[in-house]
Amino acid sequence: MCQQDRRPDVTRARSQTLAWTEVGTNLFLKHAEPLSDEDLRAPSALPGWTLKHLLAHVASNADALSNLVEWARTGVYRPYVCLRWSARSRHRAGCVLSTSTAHR
């Protein structure tokens, strides 16, 4: 068997990944969208984090992963995260999100 025969089916893997990502996104939004500002101020299971912090963290990571995908697709460098923000700054930014911005 030649090396080429062992290569994964990239087309299938890509379509499966996109479908899996869409299912996960829809599930996350289904549970996040009904939350009120009061709900978002409630503590999460993470010590010192509210639900708003948690949603901001997930949104920030989604943006960061989008940057990596864009970099891979185009070859144009896009950093994983905004390097001028520390993790603490990104965490604090979650404190100012409202329900109108937390779900975009």
PDB file of N, CA and C in Angstrom:
ATOM      1  N   MET A   1       0.849  -1.172   0.000  1.00  0.00           N
ATOM      2  CA  MET A   1       0.000   0.000   0.000  1.00  0.00           C
ATOM      3  C   MET A   1       0.897   1.238   0.000  1.00  0.00           C
ATOM      4  N   CYS A   2       0.664   2.133  -0.909  1.00  0.00           N
ATOM      5  CA  CYS A   2       1.495   3.335  -0.958  1.00  0.00           C
ATOM      6  C   CYS A   2       1.024   4.351   0.084  1.00  0.00           C
ATOM      7  N   GLN A   3       1.919   5.284   0.407  1.00  0.00           N
ATOM      8  CA  GLN A   3       1.637   6.297   1.424  1.00  0.00           C
ATOM      9  C   GLN A   3       0.364   7.087   1.108  1.00  0.00           C
ATOM     10  N   GLN A   4       0.146   7.397  -0.146  1.00  0.00           N
ATOM     11  CA  GLN A   4      -0.998   8.206  -0.543  1.00  0.00           C
ATOM     12  C   GLN A   4      -2.326   7.520  -0.189  1.00  0.00           C
ATOM     13  N   ASP A   5      -2.366   6.202  -0.211  1.00  0.00           N
ATOM     14  CA  ASP A   5      -3.599   5.474   0.099  1.00  0.00           C
ATOM     15  C   ASP A   5      -4.009   5.608   1.563  1.00  0.00           C
ATOM     16  N   ARG A   6      -3.092   6.003   2.438  1.00  0.00           N
ATOM     17  CA  ARG A   6      -3.386   6.105   3.867  1.00  0.00           C
ATOM     18  C   ARG A   6      -3.824   7.506   4.279  1.00  0.00           C
ATOM     19  N   ARG A   7      -3.882   8.414   3.356  1.00  0.00           N
ATOM     20  CA  ARG A   7      -4.266   9.782   3.696  1.00  0.00           C
ATOM     21  C   ARG A   7      -5.750   9.846   4.046  1.00  0.00           C
ATOM     22  N   PRO A   8      -6.094  10.656   5.033  1.00  0.00           N
ATOM     23  CA  PRO A   8      -7.508  10.749   5.406  1.00  0.00           C
ATOM     24  C   PRO A   8      -8.314  11.454   4.332  1.00  0.00           C
ATOM     25  N   ASP A   9      -9.586  11.190   4.329  1.00  0.00           N
ATOM     26  CA  ASP A   9     -10.502  11.862   3.415  1.00  0.00           C
ATOM     27  C   ASP A   9     -10.780  13.251   3.989  1.00  0.00           C
ATOM     28  N   VAL A  10     -10.015  14.232   3.548  1.00  0.00           N
ATOM     29  CA  VAL A  10     -10.088  15.586   4.099  1.00  0.00           C
ATOM     30  C   VAL A  10     -11.448  16.207   3.835  1.00  0.00           C
ATOM     31  N   THR A  11     -12.031  15.957   2.692  1.00  0.00           N
ATOM     32  CA  THR A  11     -13.339  16.528   2.365  1.00  0.00           C
ATOM     33  C   THR A  11     -14.393  16.043   3.353  1.00  0.00           C
ATOM     34  N   ARG A  12     -14.397  14.757   3.626  1.00  0.00           N
ATOM     35  CA  ARG A  12     -15.359  14.210   4.579  1.00  0.00           C
ATOM     36  C   ARG A  12     -15.088  14.739   5.978  1.00  0.00           C
ATOM     37  N   ALA A  13     -13.830  14.772   6.380  1.00  0.00           N
ATOM     38  CA  ALA A  13     -13.481  15.263   7.706  1.00  0.00           C
ATOM     39  C   ALA A  13     -13.906  16.721   7.873  1.00  0.00           C
ATOM     40  N   ARG A  14     -13.719  17.530   6.827  1.00  0.00           N
ATOM     41  CA  ARG A  14     -14.104  18.937   6.897  1.00  0.00           C
ATOM     42  C   ARG A  14     -15.610  19.081   7.047  1.00  0.00           C
ATOM     43  N   SER A  15     -16.379  18.351   6.256  1.00  0.00           N
ATOM     44  CA  SER A  15     -17.841  18.464   6.328  1.00  0.00           C
ATOM     45  C   SER A  15     -18.361  17.956   7.671  1.00  0.00           C
ATOM     46  N   GLN A  16     -17.767  16.895   8.201  1.00  0.00           N
ATOM     47  CA  GLN A  16     -18.169  16.391   9.513  1.00  0.00           C
ATOM     48  C   GLN A  16     -17.843  17.411  10.607  1.00  0.00           C
ATOM     49  N   THR A  17     -16.695  18.046  10.499  1.00  0.00           N
ATOM     50  CA  THR A  17     -16.297  19.045  11.483  1.00  0.00           C
ATOM     51  C   THR A  17     -17.224  20.250  11.442  1.00  0.00           C
ATOM     52  N   LEU A  18     -17.568  20.701  10.240  1.00  0.00           N
ATOM     53  CA  LEU A  18     -18.479  21.834  10.120  1.00  0.00           C
ATOM     54  C   LEU A  18     -19.853  21.497  10.694  1.00  0.00           C
ATOM     55  N   ALA A  19     -20.336  20.295  10.428  1.00  0.00           N
ATOM     56  CA  ALA A  19     -21.637  19.877  10.967  1.00  0.00           C
ATOM     57  C   ALA A  19     -21.583  19.805  12.490  1.00  0.00           C
ATOM     58  N   TRP A  20     -20.525  19.232  13.022  1.00  0.00           N
ATOM     59  CA  TRP A  20     -20.340  19.122  14.471  1.00  0.00           C
ATOM     60  C   TRP A  20     -20.268  20.507  15.109  1.00  0.00           C
ATOM     61  N   THR A  21     -19.560  21.432  14.456  1.00  0.00           N
ATOM     62  CA  THR A  21     -19.451  22.802  14.964  1.00  0.00           C
ATOM     63  C   THR A  21     -20.812  23.482  14.979  1.00  0.00           C
ATOM     64  N   GLU A  22     -21.589  23.292  13.930  1.00  0.00           N
ATOM     65  CA  GLU A  22     -22.920  23.901  13.865  1.00  0.00           C
ATOM     66  C   GLU A  22     -23.837  23.353  14.959  1.00  0.00           C
ATOM     67  N   VAL A  23     -23.806  22.054  15.194  1.00  0.00           N
ATOM     68  CA  VAL A  23     -24.621  21.451  16.248  1.00  0.00           C
ATOM     69  C   VAL A  23     -24.224  22.032  17.609  1.00  0.00           C
ATOM     70  N   GLY A  24     -22.932  22.112  17.872  1.00  0.00           N
ATOM     71  CA  GLY A  24     -22.450  22.645  19.148  1.00  0.00           C
ATOM     72  C   GLY A  24     -22.826  24.102  19.343  1.00  0.00           C
ATOM     73  N   THR A  25     -22.685  24.901  18.293  1.00  0.00           N
ATOM     74  CA  THR A  25     -23.039  26.318  18.363  1.00  0.00           C
ATOM     75  C   THR A  25     -24.524  26.485  18.645  1.00  0.00           C
ATOM     76  N   ASN A  26     -25.347  25.741  17.929  1.00  0.00           N
ATOM     77  CA  ASN A  26     -26.796  25.841  18.129  1.00  0.00           C
ATOM     78  C   ASN A  26     -27.211  25.403  19.535  1.00  0.00           C
ATOM     79  N   LEU A  27     -26.592  24.363  20.052  1.00  0.00           N
ATOM     80  CA  LEU A  27     -26.882  23.901  21.405  1.00  0.00           C
ATOM     81  C   LEU A  27     -26.481  24.958  22.432  1.00  0.00           C
ATOM     82  N   PHE A  28     -25.303  25.545  22.243  1.00  0.00           N
ATOM     83  CA  PHE A  28     -24.832  26.586  23.156  1.00  0.00           C
ATOM     84  C   PHE A  28     -25.789  27.776  23.145  1.00  0.00           C
ATOM     85  N   LEU A  29     -26.165  28.243  21.943  1.00  0.00           N
ATOM     86  CA  LEU A  29     -27.056  29.397  21.831  1.00  0.00           C
ATOM     87  C   LEU A  29     -28.447  29.099  22.394  1.00  0.00           C
ATOM     88  N   LYS A  30     -28.922  27.886  22.213  1.00  0.00           N
ATOM     89  CA  LYS A  30     -30.232  27.496  22.741  1.00  0.00           C
ATOM     90  C   LYS A  30     -30.293  27.704  24.250  1.00  0.00           C
ATOM     91  N   HIS A  31     -29.183  27.432  24.928  1.00  0.00           N
ATOM     92  CA  HIS A  31     -29.148  27.571  26.381  1.00  0.00           C
ATOM     93  C   HIS A  31     -28.743  28.980  26.823  1.00  0.00           C
ATOM     94  N   ALA A  32     -28.008  29.698  25.999  1.00  0.00           N
ATOM     95  CA  ALA A  32     -27.530  31.032  26.381  1.00  0.00           C
ATOM     96  C   ALA A  32     -28.551  32.135  26.096  1.00  0.00           C
ATOM     97  N   GLU A  33     -29.261  32.027  24.983  1.00  0.00           N
ATOM     98  CA  GLU A  33     -30.164  33.109  24.567  1.00  0.00           C
ATOM     99  C   GLU A  33     -31.250  33.451  25.581  1.00  0.00           C
ATOM    100  N   PRO A  34     -31.842  32.493  26.285  1.00  0.00           N
ATOM    101  CA  PRO A  34     -32.902  32.860  27.223  1.00  0.00           C
ATOM    102  C   PRO A  34     -32.405  33.536  28.508  1.00  0.00           C
ATOM    103  N   LEU A  35     -31.099  33.576  28.732  1.00  0.00           N
ATOM    104  CA  LEU A  35     -30.572  34.132  29.978  1.00  0.00           C
ATOM    105  C   LEU A  35     -30.775  35.645  30.039  1.00  0.00           C
ATOM    106  N   SER A  36     -31.255  36.114  31.175  1.00  0.00           N
ATOM    107  CA  SER A  36     -31.430  37.552  31.401  1.00  0.00           C
ATOM    108  C   SER A  36     -30.138  38.138  31.963  1.00  0.00           C
ATOM    109  N   ASP A  37     -30.083  39.462  32.045  1.00  0.00           N
ATOM    110  CA  ASP A  37     -28.918  40.100  32.665  1.00  0.00           C
ATOM    111  C   ASP A  37     -28.745  39.616  34.103  1.00  0.00           C
ATOM    112  N   GLU A  38     -29.859  39.427  34.801  1.00  0.00           N
ATOM    113  CA  GLU A  38     -29.786  38.921  36.176  1.00  0.00           C
ATOM    114  C   GLU A  38     -29.195  37.513  36.200  1.00  0.00           C
ATOM    115  N   ASP A  39     -29.645  36.661  35.284  1.00  0.00           N
ATOM    116  CA  ASP A  39     -29.086  35.305  35.190  1.00  0.00           C
ATOM    117  C   ASP A  39     -27.583  35.353  34.946  1.00  0.00           C
ATOM    118  N   LEU A  40     -27.160  36.263  34.069  1.00  0.00           N
ATOM    119  CA  LEU A  40     -25.739  36.344  33.712  1.00  0.00           C
ATOM    120  C   LEU A  40     -24.873  36.830  34.864  1.00  0.00           C
ATOM    121  N   ARG A  41     -25.453  37.528  35.816  1.00  0.00           N
ATOM    122  CA  ARG A  41     -24.689  37.986  36.989  1.00  0.00           C
ATOM    123  C   ARG A  41     -24.521  36.883  38.029  1.00  0.00           C
ATOM    124  N   ALA A  42     -25.217  35.782  37.860  1.00  0.00           N
ATOM    125  CA  ALA A  42     -25.151  34.672  38.814  1.00  0.00           C
ATOM    126  C   ALA A  42     -23.793  33.976  38.718  1.00  0.00           C
ATOM    127  N   PRO A  43     -23.346  33.418  39.831  1.00  0.00           N
ATOM    128  CA  PRO A  43     -22.075  32.679  39.801  1.00  0.00           C
ATOM    129  C   PRO A  43     -22.180  31.440  38.913  1.00  0.00           C
ATOM    130  N   SER A  44     -21.070  31.106  38.295  1.00  0.00           N
ATOM    131  CA  SER A  44     -20.998  29.858  37.523  1.00  0.00           C
ATOM    132  C   SER A  44     -20.332  28.804  38.403  1.00  0.00           C
ATOM    133  N   ALA A  45     -20.111  27.635  37.852  1.00  0.00           N
ATOM    134  CA  ALA A  45     -19.413  26.582  38.592  1.00  0.00           C
ATOM    135  C   ALA A  45     -17.916  26.878  38.715  1.00  0.00           C
ATOM    136  N   LEU A  46     -17.426  27.873  37.969  1.00  0.00           N
ATOM    137  CA  LEU A  46     -16.015  28.263  38.053  1.00  0.00           C
ATOM    138  C   LEU A  46     -15.840  29.301  39.152  1.00  0.00           C
ATOM    139  N   PRO A  47     -14.993  29.051  40.126  1.00  0.00           N
ATOM    140  CA  PRO A  47     -14.819  29.992  41.229  1.00  0.00           C
ATOM    141  C   PRO A  47     -14.441  31.400  40.739  1.00  0.00           C
ATOM    142  N   GLY A  48     -15.220  32.393  41.174  1.00  0.00           N
ATOM    143  CA  GLY A  48     -14.939  33.776  40.826  1.00  0.00           C
ATOM    144  C   GLY A  48     -15.481  34.219  39.476  1.00  0.00           C
ATOM    145  N   TRP A  49     -16.142  33.337  38.757  1.00  0.00           N
ATOM    146  CA  TRP A  49     -16.679  33.645  37.426  1.00  0.00           C
ATOM    147  C   TRP A  49     -18.196  33.648  37.483  1.00  0.00           C
ATOM    148  N   THR A  50     -18.789  34.666  36.869  1.00  0.00           N
ATOM    149  CA  THR A  50     -20.231  34.673  36.672  1.00  0.00           C
ATOM    150  C   THR A  50     -20.532  33.971  35.355  1.00  0.00           C
ATOM    151  N   LEU A  51     -21.813  33.776  35.083  1.00  0.00           N
ATOM    152  CA  LEU A  51     -22.177  33.214  33.783  1.00  0.00           C
ATOM    153  C   LEU A  51     -21.779  34.164  32.658  1.00  0.00           C
ATOM    154  N   LYS A  52     -21.817  35.467  32.941  1.00  0.00           N
ATOM    155  CA  LYS A  52     -21.404  36.453  31.936  1.00  0.00           C
ATOM    156  C   LYS A  52     -19.921  36.294  31.595  1.00  0.00           C
ATOM    157  N   HIS A  53     -19.085  36.064  32.615  1.00  0.00           N
ATOM    158  CA  HIS A  53     -17.666  35.807  32.367  1.00  0.00           C
ATOM    159  C   HIS A  53     -17.500  34.582  31.472  1.00  0.00           C
ATOM    160  N   LEU A  54     -18.259  33.547  31.797  1.00  0.00           N
ATOM    161  CA  LEU A  54     -18.147  32.299  31.049  1.00  0.00           C
ATOM    162  C   LEU A  54     -18.558  32.484  29.588  1.00  0.00           C
ATOM    163  N   LEU A  55     -19.673  33.191  29.355  1.00  0.00           N
ATOM    164  CA  LEU A  55     -20.096  33.438  27.972  1.00  0.00           C
ATOM    165  C   LEU A  55     -19.070  34.289  27.223  1.00  0.00           C
ATOM    166  N   ALA A  56     -18.515  35.296  27.904  1.00  0.00           N
ATOM    167  CA  ALA A  56     -17.496  36.140  27.264  1.00  0.00           C
ATOM    168  C   ALA A  56     -16.267  35.314  26.908  1.00  0.00           C
ATOM    169  N   HIS A  57     -15.889  34.398  27.779  1.00  0.00           N
ATOM    170  CA  HIS A  57     -14.737  33.530  27.533  1.00  0.00           C
ATOM    171  C   HIS A  57     -14.983  32.636  26.308  1.00  0.00           C
ATOM    172  N   VAL A  58     -16.160  32.035  26.236  1.00  0.00           N
ATOM    173  CA  VAL A  58     -16.493  31.180  25.092  1.00  0.00           C
ATOM    174  C   VAL A  58     -16.492  32.000  23.801  1.00  0.00           C
ATOM    175  N   ALA A  59     -17.088  33.201  23.846  1.00  0.00           N
ATOM    176  CA  ALA A  59     -17.129  34.062  22.651  1.00  0.00           C
ATOM    177  C   ALA A  59     -15.725  34.468  22.228  1.00  0.00           C
ATOM    178  N   SER A  60     -14.879  34.806  23.190  1.00  0.00           N
ATOM    179  CA  SER A  60     -13.498  35.192  22.883  1.00  0.00           C
ATOM    180  C   SER A  60     -12.738  34.042  22.238  1.00  0.00           C
ATOM    181  N   ASN A  61     -12.943  32.834  22.755  1.00  0.00           N
ATOM    182  CA  ASN A  61     -12.267  31.673  22.168  1.00  0.00           C
ATOM    183  C   ASN A  61     -12.799  31.359  20.774  1.00  0.00           C
ATOM    184  N   ALA A  62     -14.087  31.552  20.552  1.00  0.00           N
ATOM    185  CA  ALA A  62     -14.645  31.347  19.211  1.00  0.00           C
ATOM    186  C   ALA A  62     -14.006  32.325  18.232  1.00  0.00           C
ATOM    187  N   ASP A  63     -13.874  33.593  18.645  1.00  0.00           N
ATOM    188  CA  ASP A  63     -13.209  34.580  17.788  1.00  0.00           C
ATOM    189  C   ASP A  63     -11.767  34.180  17.504  1.00  0.00           C
ATOM    190  N   ALA A  64     -11.081  33.716  18.550  1.00  0.00           N
ATOM    191  CA  ALA A  64      -9.682  33.331  18.392  1.00  0.00           C
ATOM    192  C   ALA A  64      -9.541  32.150  17.428  1.00  0.00           C
ATOM    193  N   LEU A  65     -10.409  31.162  17.564  1.00  0.00           N
ATOM    194  CA  LEU A  65     -10.351  30.015  16.654  1.00  0.00           C
ATOM    195  C   LEU A  65     -10.686  30.429  15.227  1.00  0.00           C
ATOM    196  N   SER A  66     -11.598  31.383  15.075  1.00  0.00           N
ATOM    197  CA  SER A  66     -11.901  31.911  13.741  1.00  0.00           C
ATOM    198  C   SER A  66     -10.661  32.542  13.119  1.00  0.00           C
ATOM    199  N   ASN A  67      -9.869  33.234  13.945  1.00  0.00           N
ATOM    200  CA  ASN A  67      -8.626  33.818  13.447  1.00  0.00           C
ATOM    201  C   ASN A  67      -7.682  32.739  12.926  1.00  0.00           C
ATOM    202  N   LEU A  68      -7.571  31.629  13.661  1.00  0.00           N
ATOM    203  CA  LEU A  68      -6.687  30.543  13.215  1.00  0.00           C
ATOM    204  C   LEU A  68      -7.181  29.915  11.923  1.00  0.00           C
ATOM    205  N   VAL A  69      -8.486  29.739  11.802  1.00  0.00           N
ATOM    206  CA  VAL A  69      -9.051  29.163  10.575  1.00  0.00           C
ATOM    207  C   VAL A  69      -8.789  30.096   9.401  1.00  0.00           C
ATOM    208  N   GLU A  70      -8.995  31.391   9.599  1.00  0.00           N
ATOM    209  CA  GLU A  70      -8.755  32.370   8.529  1.00  0.00           C
ATOM    210  C   GLU A  70      -7.278  32.374   8.125  1.00  0.00           C
ATOM    211  N   TRP A  71      -6.393  32.281   9.093  1.00  0.00           N
ATOM    212  CA  TRP A  71      -4.956  32.232   8.821  1.00  0.00           C
ATOM    213  C   TRP A  71      -4.634  30.991   7.989  1.00  0.00           C
ATOM    214  N   ALA A  72      -5.193  29.839   8.390  1.00  0.00           N
ATOM    215  CA  ALA A  72      -4.932  28.601   7.648  1.00  0.00           C
ATOM    216  C   ALA A  72      -5.507  28.669   6.232  1.00  0.00           C
ATOM    217  N   ARG A  73      -6.679  29.283   6.097  1.00  0.00           N
ATOM    218  CA  ARG A  73      -7.340  29.352   4.794  1.00  0.00           C
ATOM    219  C   ARG A  73      -6.626  30.280   3.833  1.00  0.00           C
ATOM    220  N   THR A  74      -6.142  31.437   4.342  1.00  0.00           N
ATOM    221  CA  THR A  74      -5.584  32.467   3.463  1.00  0.00           C
ATOM    222  C   THR A  74      -4.067  32.552   3.485  1.00  0.00           C
ATOM    223  N   GLY A  75      -3.447  32.057   4.549  1.00  0.00           N
ATOM    224  CA  GLY A  75      -2.007  32.211   4.706  1.00  0.00           C
ATOM    225  C   GLY A  75      -1.625  33.573   5.264  1.00  0.00           C
ATOM    226  N   VAL A  76      -2.621  34.414   5.527  1.00  0.00           N
ATOM    227  CA  VAL A  76      -2.365  35.739   6.108  1.00  0.00           C
ATOM    228  C   VAL A  76      -2.408  35.599   7.630  1.00  0.00           C
ATOM    229  N   TYR A  77      -1.309  35.988   8.270  1.00  0.00           N
ATOM    230  CA  TYR A  77      -1.186  35.831   9.718  1.00  0.00           C
ATOM    231  C   TYR A  77      -2.313  36.538  10.460  1.00  0.00           C
ATOM    232  N   ARG A  78      -2.972  35.809  11.335  1.00  0.00           N
ATOM    233  CA  ARG A  78      -3.980  36.348  12.244  1.00  0.00           C
ATOM    234  C   ARG A  78      -3.677  35.745  13.607  1.00  0.00           C
ATOM    235  N   PRO A  79      -3.347  36.559  14.606  1.00  0.00           N
ATOM    236  CA  PRO A  79      -3.011  35.991  15.920  1.00  0.00           C
ATOM    237  C   PRO A  79      -4.203  35.286  16.552  1.00  0.00           C
ATOM    238  N   TYR A  80      -3.906  34.302  17.370  1.00  0.00           N
ATOM    239  CA  TYR A  80      -4.954  33.548  18.058  1.00  0.00           C
ATOM    240  C   TYR A  80      -5.804  34.486  18.908  1.00  0.00           C
ATOM    241  N   VAL A  81      -5.143  35.352  19.661  1.00  0.00           N
ATOM    242  CA  VAL A  81      -5.851  36.342  20.486  1.00  0.00           C
ATOM    243  C   VAL A  81      -5.222  37.696  20.254  1.00  0.00           C
ATOM    244  N   CYS A  82      -5.932  38.714  20.647  1.00  0.00           N
ATOM    245  CA  CYS A  82      -5.392  40.063  20.601  1.00  0.00           C
ATOM    246  C   CYS A  82      -4.284  40.144  21.649  1.00  0.00           C
ATOM    247  N   LEU A  83      -3.064  40.273  21.211  1.00  0.00           N
ATOM    248  CA  LEU A  83      -1.926  40.184  22.120  1.00  0.00           C
ATOM    249  C   LEU A  83      -1.815  41.366  23.080  1.00  0.00           C
ATOM    250  N   ARG A  84      -2.478  42.483  22.780  1.00  0.00           N
ATOM    251  CA  ARG A  84      -2.373  43.608  23.704  1.00  0.00           C
ATOM    252  C   ARG A  84      -3.319  43.461  24.889  1.00  0.00           C
ATOM    253  N   TRP A  85      -4.149  42.451  24.875  1.00  0.00           N
ATOM    254  CA  TRP A  85      -5.038  42.194  26.006  1.00  0.00           C
ATOM    255  C   TRP A  85      -4.463  41.054  26.830  1.00  0.00           C
ATOM    256  N   SER A  86      -4.389  41.250  28.110  1.00  0.00           N
ATOM    257  CA  SER A  86      -3.985  40.153  28.982  1.00  0.00           C
ATOM    258  C   SER A  86      -5.208  39.276  29.245  1.00  0.00           C
ATOM    259  N   ALA A  87      -4.974  38.094  29.761  1.00  0.00           N
ATOM    260  CA  ALA A  87      -6.101  37.209  30.097  1.00  0.00           C
ATOM    261  C   ALA A  87      -6.997  37.896  31.120  1.00  0.00           C
ATOM    262  N   ARG A  88      -6.406  38.634  32.045  1.00  0.00           N
ATOM    263  CA  ARG A  88      -7.194  39.337  33.057  1.00  0.00           C
ATOM    264  C   ARG A  88      -8.087  40.395  32.410  1.00  0.00           C
ATOM    265  N   SER A  89      -7.556  41.113  31.418  1.00  0.00           N
ATOM    266  CA  SER A  89      -8.355  42.127  30.722  1.00  0.00           C
ATOM    267  C   SER A  89      -9.512  41.485  29.979  1.00  0.00           C
ATOM    268  N   ARG A  90      -9.253  40.359  29.314  1.00  0.00           N
ATOM    269  CA  ARG A  90     -10.319  39.676  28.591  1.00  0.00           C
ATOM    270  C   ARG A  90     -11.382  39.189  29.563  1.00  0.00           C
ATOM    271  N   HIS A  91     -10.955  38.697  30.730  1.00  0.00           N
ATOM    272  CA  HIS A  91     -11.881  38.228  31.751  1.00  0.00           C
ATOM    273  C   HIS A  91     -12.739  39.405  32.243  1.00  0.00           C
ATOM    274  N   ARG A  92     -12.116  40.534  32.509  1.00  0.00           N
ATOM    275  CA  ARG A  92     -12.860  41.710  32.966  1.00  0.00           C
ATOM    276  C   ARG A  92     -13.818  42.225  31.900  1.00  0.00           C
ATOM    277  N   ALA A  93     -13.444  42.109  30.635  1.00  0.00           N
ATOM    278  CA  ALA A  93     -14.312  42.574  29.554  1.00  0.00           C
ATOM    279  C   ALA A  93     -15.644  41.843  29.593  1.00  0.00           C
ATOM    280  N   GLY A  94     -15.631  40.611  30.050  1.00  0.00           N
ATOM    281  CA  GLY A  94     -16.870  39.857  30.178  1.00  0.00           C
ATOM    282  C   GLY A  94     -17.841  40.490  31.145  1.00  0.00           C
ATOM    283  N   CYS A  95     -17.329  41.274  32.064  1.00  0.00           N
ATOM    284  CA  CYS A  95     -18.189  41.910  33.057  1.00  0.00           C
ATOM    285  C   CYS A  95     -19.071  42.986  32.440  1.00  0.00           C
ATOM    286  N   VAL A  96     -18.706  43.514  31.280  1.00  0.00           N
ATOM    287  CA  VAL A  96     -19.470  44.608  30.700  1.00  0.00           C
ATOM    288  C   VAL A  96     -20.402  44.149  29.582  1.00  0.00           C
ATOM    289  N   LEU A  97     -20.392  42.868  29.264  1.00  0.00           N
ATOM    290  CA  LEU A  97     -21.298  42.370  28.240  1.00  0.00           C
ATOM    291  C   LEU A  97     -22.731  42.386  28.756  1.00  0.00           C
ATOM    292  N   SER A  98     -23.656  42.760  27.918  1.00  0.00           N
ATOM    293  CA  SER A  98     -25.068  42.663  28.263  1.00  0.00           C
ATOM    294  C   SER A  98     -25.662  41.526  27.460  1.00  0.00           C
ATOM    295  N   THR A  99     -26.892  41.182  27.747  1.00  0.00           N
ATOM    296  CA  THR A  99     -27.516  40.089  26.993  1.00  0.00           C
ATOM    297  C   THR A  99     -27.616  40.437  25.520  1.00  0.00           C
ATOM    298  N   SER A 100     -27.641  41.726  25.185  1.00  0.00           N
ATOM    299  CA  SER A 100     -27.736  42.096  23.772  1.00  0.00           C
ATOM    300  C   SER A 100     -26.418  41.878  23.032  1.00  0.00           C
ATOM    301  N   THR A 101     -25.293  41.876  23.735  1.00  0.00           N
ATOM    302  CA  THR A 101     -24.011  41.666  23.064  1.00  0.00           C
ATOM    303  C   THR A 101     -23.422  40.297  23.349  1.00  0.00           C
ATOM    304  N   ALA A 102     -23.841  39.649  24.390  1.00  0.00           N
ATOM    305  CA  ALA A 102     -23.242  38.363  24.760  1.00  0.00           C
ATOM    306  C   ALA A 102     -23.589  37.258  23.783  1.00  0.00           C
ATOM    307  N   HIS A 103     -24.611  37.441  22.963  1.00  0.00           N
ATOM    308  CA  HIS A 103     -25.085  36.352  22.117  1.00  0.00           C
ATOM    309  C   HIS A 103     -24.755  36.550  20.659  1.00  0.00           C
ATOM    310  N   ARG A 104     -23.920  37.532  20.337  1.00  0.00           N
ATOM    311  CA  ARG A 104     -23.578  37.759  18.935  1.00  0.00           C
ATOM    312  C   ARG A 104     -22.424  36.931  18.511  1.00  0.00           C
TER     313      ARG A 104
END
